[in-house]
N, C-alpha and C. Protein backbone atom coordinates (compact mmCIF):
# COMPACT_ATOMS: atom_id res chain seq x y z
N MET A 1 -6.89 -30.56 -9.05
CA MET A 1 -7.67 -29.80 -8.09
C MET A 1 -9.02 -29.46 -8.73
N PRO A 2 -10.10 -29.94 -8.13
CA PRO A 2 -11.42 -29.65 -8.71
C PRO A 2 -11.80 -28.17 -8.57
N ARG A 3 -12.45 -27.65 -9.60
CA ARG A 3 -12.97 -26.28 -9.58
C ARG A 3 -14.48 -26.34 -9.74
N TYR A 4 -15.15 -25.57 -8.91
CA TYR A 4 -16.61 -25.48 -8.94
C TYR A 4 -17.01 -24.03 -9.17
N PHE A 5 -18.27 -23.84 -9.57
CA PHE A 5 -18.80 -22.50 -9.85
C PHE A 5 -20.16 -22.33 -9.20
N THR A 6 -20.49 -21.07 -8.86
CA THR A 6 -21.82 -20.75 -8.31
C THR A 6 -22.62 -20.00 -9.37
N ASP A 7 -23.93 -19.91 -9.14
CA ASP A 7 -24.77 -19.13 -10.06
C ASP A 7 -24.62 -17.63 -9.82
N GLU A 8 -23.80 -17.25 -8.85
CA GLU A 8 -23.46 -15.83 -8.62
C GLU A 8 -22.10 -15.50 -9.23
N HIS A 9 -21.54 -16.44 -10.00
CA HIS A 9 -20.30 -16.25 -10.76
C HIS A 9 -19.04 -16.21 -9.91
N GLU A 10 -19.05 -16.96 -8.80
CA GLU A 10 -17.82 -17.20 -8.06
C GLU A 10 -17.28 -18.57 -8.47
N TRP A 11 -15.95 -18.71 -8.41
CA TRP A 11 -15.32 -20.02 -8.59
C TRP A 11 -14.65 -20.40 -7.28
N ILE A 12 -14.50 -21.71 -7.10
CA ILE A 12 -13.85 -22.22 -5.90
C ILE A 12 -12.99 -23.42 -6.29
N ASP A 13 -11.70 -23.33 -5.97
CA ASP A 13 -10.77 -24.44 -6.19
C ASP A 13 -10.61 -25.16 -4.87
N VAL A 14 -10.80 -26.47 -4.89
CA VAL A 14 -10.69 -27.27 -3.67
C VAL A 14 -9.37 -28.02 -3.66
N GLU A 15 -8.65 -27.87 -2.56
CA GLU A 15 -7.37 -28.54 -2.37
C GLU A 15 -7.35 -29.12 -0.96
N GLY A 16 -7.62 -30.40 -0.83
CA GLY A 16 -7.66 -31.03 0.49
C GLY A 16 -8.78 -30.43 1.33
N GLU A 17 -8.41 -29.87 2.48
CA GLU A 17 -9.40 -29.30 3.40
C GLU A 17 -9.55 -27.79 3.24
N SER A 18 -8.90 -27.21 2.22
CA SER A 18 -9.01 -25.77 2.02
C SER A 18 -9.46 -25.46 0.60
N ALA A 19 -9.82 -24.20 0.39
CA ALA A 19 -10.34 -23.78 -0.91
C ALA A 19 -9.93 -22.35 -1.20
N THR A 20 -9.77 -22.04 -2.47
CA THR A 20 -9.46 -20.68 -2.94
C THR A 20 -10.68 -20.19 -3.70
N VAL A 21 -11.06 -18.92 -3.47
CA VAL A 21 -12.29 -18.36 -4.05
C VAL A 21 -11.98 -17.08 -4.84
N GLY A 22 -12.65 -16.92 -5.96
CA GLY A 22 -12.55 -15.70 -6.75
C GLY A 22 -13.80 -15.54 -7.60
N ILE A 23 -13.80 -14.55 -8.50
CA ILE A 23 -14.93 -14.38 -9.40
C ILE A 23 -14.52 -14.81 -10.81
N THR A 24 -15.49 -15.19 -11.59
CA THR A 24 -15.21 -15.72 -12.92
C THR A 24 -14.87 -14.63 -13.93
N ASP A 25 -14.34 -15.05 -15.05
CA ASP A 25 -14.05 -14.15 -16.14
C ASP A 25 -15.34 -13.44 -16.59
N TYR A 26 -16.44 -14.18 -16.65
CA TYR A 26 -17.73 -13.59 -17.03
C TYR A 26 -18.10 -12.45 -16.07
N ALA A 27 -17.93 -12.69 -14.77
CA ALA A 27 -18.29 -11.67 -13.77
C ALA A 27 -17.45 -10.42 -13.93
N GLN A 28 -16.13 -10.58 -14.13
CA GLN A 28 -15.29 -9.38 -14.25
C GLN A 28 -15.62 -8.62 -15.54
N GLU A 29 -16.02 -9.34 -16.60
CA GLU A 29 -16.42 -8.66 -17.84
C GLU A 29 -17.67 -7.81 -17.62
N GLN A 30 -18.62 -8.35 -16.85
CA GLN A 30 -19.85 -7.62 -16.57
C GLN A 30 -19.59 -6.39 -15.70
N LEU A 31 -18.63 -6.49 -14.80
CA LEU A 31 -18.32 -5.38 -13.89
C LEU A 31 -17.54 -4.26 -14.57
N GLY A 32 -16.68 -4.60 -15.50
CA GLY A 32 -15.81 -3.59 -16.11
C GLY A 32 -14.55 -3.42 -15.27
N ASP A 33 -13.90 -2.26 -15.41
CA ASP A 33 -12.61 -2.03 -14.75
C ASP A 33 -12.75 -2.02 -13.22
N ILE A 34 -12.07 -2.95 -12.56
CA ILE A 34 -12.11 -3.07 -11.09
C ILE A 34 -11.18 -2.02 -10.49
N VAL A 35 -11.71 -1.24 -9.54
CA VAL A 35 -10.91 -0.17 -8.93
C VAL A 35 -10.63 -0.41 -7.44
N PHE A 36 -11.39 -1.33 -6.80
CA PHE A 36 -11.21 -1.57 -5.37
C PHE A 36 -11.79 -2.93 -5.02
N VAL A 37 -11.10 -3.63 -4.11
CA VAL A 37 -11.59 -4.91 -3.60
C VAL A 37 -11.49 -4.89 -2.08
N GLU A 38 -12.60 -5.20 -1.41
CA GLU A 38 -12.61 -5.31 0.05
C GLU A 38 -12.69 -6.79 0.40
N LEU A 39 -11.64 -7.30 1.04
CA LEU A 39 -11.54 -8.72 1.35
C LEU A 39 -11.97 -9.00 2.78
N PRO A 40 -12.43 -10.23 3.05
CA PRO A 40 -12.76 -10.58 4.43
C PRO A 40 -11.48 -10.73 5.26
N SER A 41 -11.59 -10.47 6.54
CA SER A 41 -10.44 -10.60 7.45
C SER A 41 -10.16 -12.07 7.74
N VAL A 42 -8.90 -12.39 7.95
CA VAL A 42 -8.51 -13.73 8.35
C VAL A 42 -9.24 -14.05 9.66
N GLY A 43 -9.80 -15.25 9.74
CA GLY A 43 -10.53 -15.66 10.94
C GLY A 43 -12.03 -15.46 10.83
N THR A 44 -12.48 -14.72 9.80
CA THR A 44 -13.91 -14.50 9.60
C THR A 44 -14.59 -15.83 9.25
N MET A 45 -15.70 -16.11 9.93
CA MET A 45 -16.48 -17.31 9.62
C MET A 45 -17.51 -16.91 8.55
N LEU A 46 -17.52 -17.65 7.46
CA LEU A 46 -18.44 -17.37 6.36
C LEU A 46 -19.51 -18.45 6.28
N ASP A 47 -20.73 -18.03 5.97
CA ASP A 47 -21.82 -18.96 5.73
C ASP A 47 -22.05 -19.07 4.23
N LYS A 48 -22.36 -20.26 3.76
CA LYS A 48 -22.62 -20.47 2.33
C LYS A 48 -23.69 -19.48 1.87
N GLY A 49 -23.38 -18.74 0.81
CA GLY A 49 -24.31 -17.76 0.25
C GLY A 49 -24.28 -16.40 0.93
N GLY A 50 -23.52 -16.28 2.01
CA GLY A 50 -23.43 -15.02 2.73
C GLY A 50 -22.39 -14.09 2.11
N ASP A 51 -22.47 -12.81 2.45
CA ASP A 51 -21.50 -11.83 1.95
C ASP A 51 -20.10 -12.20 2.42
N ALA A 52 -19.14 -12.16 1.49
CA ALA A 52 -17.77 -12.49 1.83
C ALA A 52 -16.81 -11.35 1.51
N ALA A 53 -17.03 -10.68 0.38
CA ALA A 53 -16.13 -9.61 -0.07
C ALA A 53 -16.94 -8.62 -0.89
N VAL A 54 -16.32 -7.49 -1.21
CA VAL A 54 -16.94 -6.48 -2.06
C VAL A 54 -15.95 -6.13 -3.16
N VAL A 55 -16.46 -6.03 -4.38
CA VAL A 55 -15.64 -5.62 -5.50
C VAL A 55 -16.29 -4.39 -6.12
N GLU A 56 -15.49 -3.33 -6.32
CA GLU A 56 -16.01 -2.10 -6.89
C GLU A 56 -15.36 -1.87 -8.25
N SER A 57 -16.21 -1.52 -9.21
CA SER A 57 -15.71 -1.21 -10.55
C SER A 57 -16.13 0.21 -10.88
N VAL A 58 -15.74 0.65 -12.07
CA VAL A 58 -16.16 1.98 -12.50
C VAL A 58 -17.67 2.03 -12.69
N LYS A 59 -18.31 0.88 -12.87
CA LYS A 59 -19.76 0.81 -13.08
C LYS A 59 -20.55 0.69 -11.79
N ALA A 60 -20.10 -0.17 -10.86
CA ALA A 60 -20.91 -0.48 -9.67
C ALA A 60 -20.08 -1.21 -8.63
N ALA A 61 -20.67 -1.33 -7.44
CA ALA A 61 -20.09 -2.18 -6.39
C ALA A 61 -20.93 -3.44 -6.32
N SER A 62 -20.27 -4.58 -6.15
CA SER A 62 -20.98 -5.85 -6.08
C SER A 62 -20.45 -6.68 -4.93
N ASP A 63 -21.34 -7.46 -4.33
CA ASP A 63 -20.92 -8.38 -3.29
C ASP A 63 -20.38 -9.65 -3.92
N VAL A 64 -19.44 -10.24 -3.23
CA VAL A 64 -18.94 -11.57 -3.58
C VAL A 64 -19.41 -12.48 -2.45
N TYR A 65 -20.07 -13.56 -2.79
CA TYR A 65 -20.67 -14.44 -1.80
C TYR A 65 -19.81 -15.67 -1.55
N ALA A 66 -19.91 -16.20 -0.35
CA ALA A 66 -19.17 -17.42 0.00
C ALA A 66 -19.84 -18.62 -0.68
N PRO A 67 -19.09 -19.35 -1.50
CA PRO A 67 -19.68 -20.51 -2.18
C PRO A 67 -19.97 -21.67 -1.22
N ILE A 68 -19.25 -21.71 -0.10
CA ILE A 68 -19.46 -22.72 0.94
C ILE A 68 -19.21 -22.05 2.30
N SER A 69 -19.51 -22.77 3.36
CA SER A 69 -19.22 -22.28 4.71
C SER A 69 -17.79 -22.64 5.09
N GLY A 70 -17.19 -21.80 5.92
CA GLY A 70 -15.85 -22.07 6.41
C GLY A 70 -15.21 -20.81 6.97
N GLU A 71 -13.95 -20.94 7.35
CA GLU A 71 -13.22 -19.83 7.95
C GLU A 71 -12.17 -19.29 6.99
N VAL A 72 -12.10 -17.97 6.87
CA VAL A 72 -11.11 -17.33 6.01
C VAL A 72 -9.72 -17.54 6.61
N THR A 73 -8.79 -18.05 5.79
CA THR A 73 -7.43 -18.30 6.26
C THR A 73 -6.41 -17.34 5.64
N GLU A 74 -6.80 -16.70 4.52
CA GLU A 74 -5.86 -15.80 3.83
C GLU A 74 -6.63 -14.92 2.86
N GLY A 75 -6.21 -13.67 2.75
CA GLY A 75 -6.74 -12.78 1.72
C GLY A 75 -5.65 -12.50 0.71
N ASN A 76 -6.02 -12.22 -0.51
CA ASN A 76 -5.04 -11.93 -1.57
C ASN A 76 -4.61 -10.47 -1.45
N GLU A 77 -3.53 -10.25 -0.71
CA GLU A 77 -3.07 -8.88 -0.45
C GLU A 77 -2.65 -8.15 -1.72
N ALA A 78 -2.31 -8.87 -2.77
CA ALA A 78 -1.94 -8.23 -4.03
C ALA A 78 -3.08 -7.38 -4.58
N LEU A 79 -4.32 -7.74 -4.25
CA LEU A 79 -5.47 -6.99 -4.77
C LEU A 79 -5.59 -5.60 -4.13
N GLU A 80 -5.03 -5.43 -2.94
CA GLU A 80 -5.06 -4.11 -2.30
C GLU A 80 -4.25 -3.12 -3.11
N GLU A 81 -3.10 -3.55 -3.62
CA GLU A 81 -2.24 -2.68 -4.42
C GLU A 81 -2.66 -2.64 -5.88
N GLU A 82 -3.19 -3.76 -6.38
CA GLU A 82 -3.50 -3.88 -7.80
C GLU A 82 -4.84 -4.60 -8.02
N PRO A 83 -5.96 -3.89 -7.74
CA PRO A 83 -7.28 -4.52 -7.90
C PRO A 83 -7.55 -4.95 -9.35
N ALA A 84 -6.86 -4.36 -10.31
CA ALA A 84 -7.05 -4.71 -11.72
C ALA A 84 -6.63 -6.15 -12.03
N LEU A 85 -5.94 -6.82 -11.10
CA LEU A 85 -5.62 -8.23 -11.28
C LEU A 85 -6.90 -9.04 -11.49
N VAL A 86 -7.99 -8.58 -10.90
CA VAL A 86 -9.28 -9.27 -11.07
C VAL A 86 -9.69 -9.23 -12.54
N ASN A 87 -9.37 -8.15 -13.24
CA ASN A 87 -9.68 -8.05 -14.67
C ASN A 87 -8.70 -8.85 -15.52
N SER A 88 -7.41 -8.73 -15.22
CA SER A 88 -6.39 -9.34 -16.08
C SER A 88 -6.23 -10.84 -15.84
N SER A 89 -6.53 -11.30 -14.62
CA SER A 89 -6.34 -12.72 -14.29
C SER A 89 -7.39 -13.18 -13.28
N PRO A 90 -8.68 -13.10 -13.64
CA PRO A 90 -9.75 -13.35 -12.67
C PRO A 90 -9.75 -14.76 -12.10
N GLU A 91 -9.31 -15.72 -12.87
CA GLU A 91 -9.39 -17.11 -12.41
C GLU A 91 -8.02 -17.70 -12.07
N GLU A 92 -7.03 -16.79 -11.87
CA GLU A 92 -5.68 -17.22 -11.49
C GLU A 92 -5.17 -16.28 -10.39
N ASP A 93 -4.38 -15.25 -10.78
CA ASP A 93 -3.74 -14.34 -9.82
C ASP A 93 -4.74 -13.43 -9.11
N GLY A 94 -5.93 -13.23 -9.69
CA GLY A 94 -6.92 -12.33 -9.11
C GLY A 94 -7.86 -13.00 -8.12
N TRP A 95 -7.42 -14.13 -7.51
CA TRP A 95 -8.25 -14.78 -6.48
C TRP A 95 -8.48 -13.83 -5.32
N PHE A 96 -9.55 -14.05 -4.55
CA PHE A 96 -9.92 -13.14 -3.47
C PHE A 96 -9.44 -13.62 -2.10
N PHE A 97 -9.81 -14.86 -1.74
CA PHE A 97 -9.43 -15.36 -0.41
C PHE A 97 -9.37 -16.89 -0.40
N ARG A 98 -8.69 -17.39 0.64
CA ARG A 98 -8.64 -18.83 0.88
C ARG A 98 -9.40 -19.11 2.17
N MET A 99 -9.98 -20.29 2.24
CA MET A 99 -10.80 -20.63 3.39
C MET A 99 -10.75 -22.13 3.68
N THR A 100 -11.16 -22.48 4.89
CA THR A 100 -11.32 -23.89 5.23
C THR A 100 -12.64 -24.37 4.62
N ILE A 101 -12.78 -25.67 4.48
CA ILE A 101 -14.04 -26.23 3.99
C ILE A 101 -14.81 -26.73 5.20
N GLY A 102 -15.88 -26.01 5.54
CA GLY A 102 -16.66 -26.36 6.73
C GLY A 102 -17.48 -27.63 6.54
N ASP A 103 -18.02 -27.83 5.33
CA ASP A 103 -18.88 -28.98 5.07
C ASP A 103 -18.74 -29.36 3.60
N LYS A 104 -18.04 -30.46 3.34
CA LYS A 104 -17.81 -30.88 1.94
C LYS A 104 -19.10 -31.13 1.18
N ALA A 105 -20.18 -31.45 1.89
CA ALA A 105 -21.47 -31.71 1.23
C ALA A 105 -21.98 -30.46 0.51
N GLU A 106 -21.57 -29.27 0.97
CA GLU A 106 -22.01 -28.03 0.32
C GLU A 106 -21.46 -27.90 -1.10
N LEU A 107 -20.39 -28.61 -1.41
CA LEU A 107 -19.82 -28.57 -2.76
C LEU A 107 -20.74 -29.24 -3.78
N GLU A 108 -21.58 -30.15 -3.31
CA GLU A 108 -22.43 -30.93 -4.21
C GLU A 108 -23.42 -30.08 -5.00
N GLY A 109 -23.82 -28.93 -4.48
CA GLY A 109 -24.79 -28.09 -5.17
C GLY A 109 -24.17 -27.13 -6.18
N LEU A 110 -22.84 -27.18 -6.32
CA LEU A 110 -22.15 -26.26 -7.21
C LEU A 110 -21.97 -26.88 -8.59
N MET A 111 -21.73 -26.02 -9.59
CA MET A 111 -21.58 -26.47 -10.98
C MET A 111 -20.12 -26.81 -11.28
N ASP A 112 -19.93 -27.76 -12.20
CA ASP A 112 -18.59 -27.99 -12.73
C ASP A 112 -18.39 -27.05 -13.92
N ASP A 113 -17.23 -27.13 -14.55
CA ASP A 113 -16.89 -26.23 -15.65
C ASP A 113 -17.92 -26.30 -16.78
N LYS A 114 -18.28 -27.51 -17.17
CA LYS A 114 -19.25 -27.70 -18.26
C LYS A 114 -20.61 -27.12 -17.89
N GLY A 115 -21.06 -27.37 -16.68
CA GLY A 115 -22.34 -26.85 -16.22
C GLY A 115 -22.36 -25.33 -16.17
N TYR A 116 -21.23 -24.74 -15.72
CA TYR A 116 -21.16 -23.29 -15.63
C TYR A 116 -21.18 -22.65 -17.01
N LYS A 117 -20.45 -23.24 -17.97
CA LYS A 117 -20.45 -22.71 -19.34
C LYS A 117 -21.85 -22.72 -19.92
N ALA A 118 -22.60 -23.79 -19.71
CA ALA A 118 -23.97 -23.88 -20.19
C ALA A 118 -24.85 -22.84 -19.51
N PHE A 119 -24.62 -22.62 -18.20
CA PHE A 119 -25.38 -21.64 -17.43
C PHE A 119 -25.16 -20.24 -18.01
N VAL A 120 -23.89 -19.88 -18.28
CA VAL A 120 -23.57 -18.55 -18.81
C VAL A 120 -24.15 -18.37 -20.23
N GLU A 121 -24.06 -19.42 -21.04
CA GLU A 121 -24.61 -19.32 -22.41
C GLU A 121 -26.11 -19.09 -22.41
N ALA A 122 -26.78 -19.55 -21.37
CA ALA A 122 -28.24 -19.40 -21.28
C ALA A 122 -28.66 -18.02 -20.75
N LEU A 123 -27.72 -17.22 -20.29
CA LEU A 123 -28.06 -15.90 -19.73
C LEU A 123 -28.42 -14.89 -20.82
């Protein structure tokens, strides 16, 4: 399953016609202890680069942006009870939502693992 990254520190795993989205380990480190996550509702249409979710930490609240366009098909309900999953497992159990892939061409502008690592090292 290919994984892509955005310059806003979201990751997206692509599986067929759907995708899973979350924030990177780097992003959760910058935010600190996560205390609340607001997820998009199932059925919400997202535009690439548009607001998709909100994550609140002890330091600040930050928007999570849609890496591609599509429709939300599932939210990670575990985050409502345990938002700290974003800290302990940001790129596994702490995923935010699943969505359809509206336009596969939008994936072309995203970074692969190697590109994202280079991007973070340059920050």
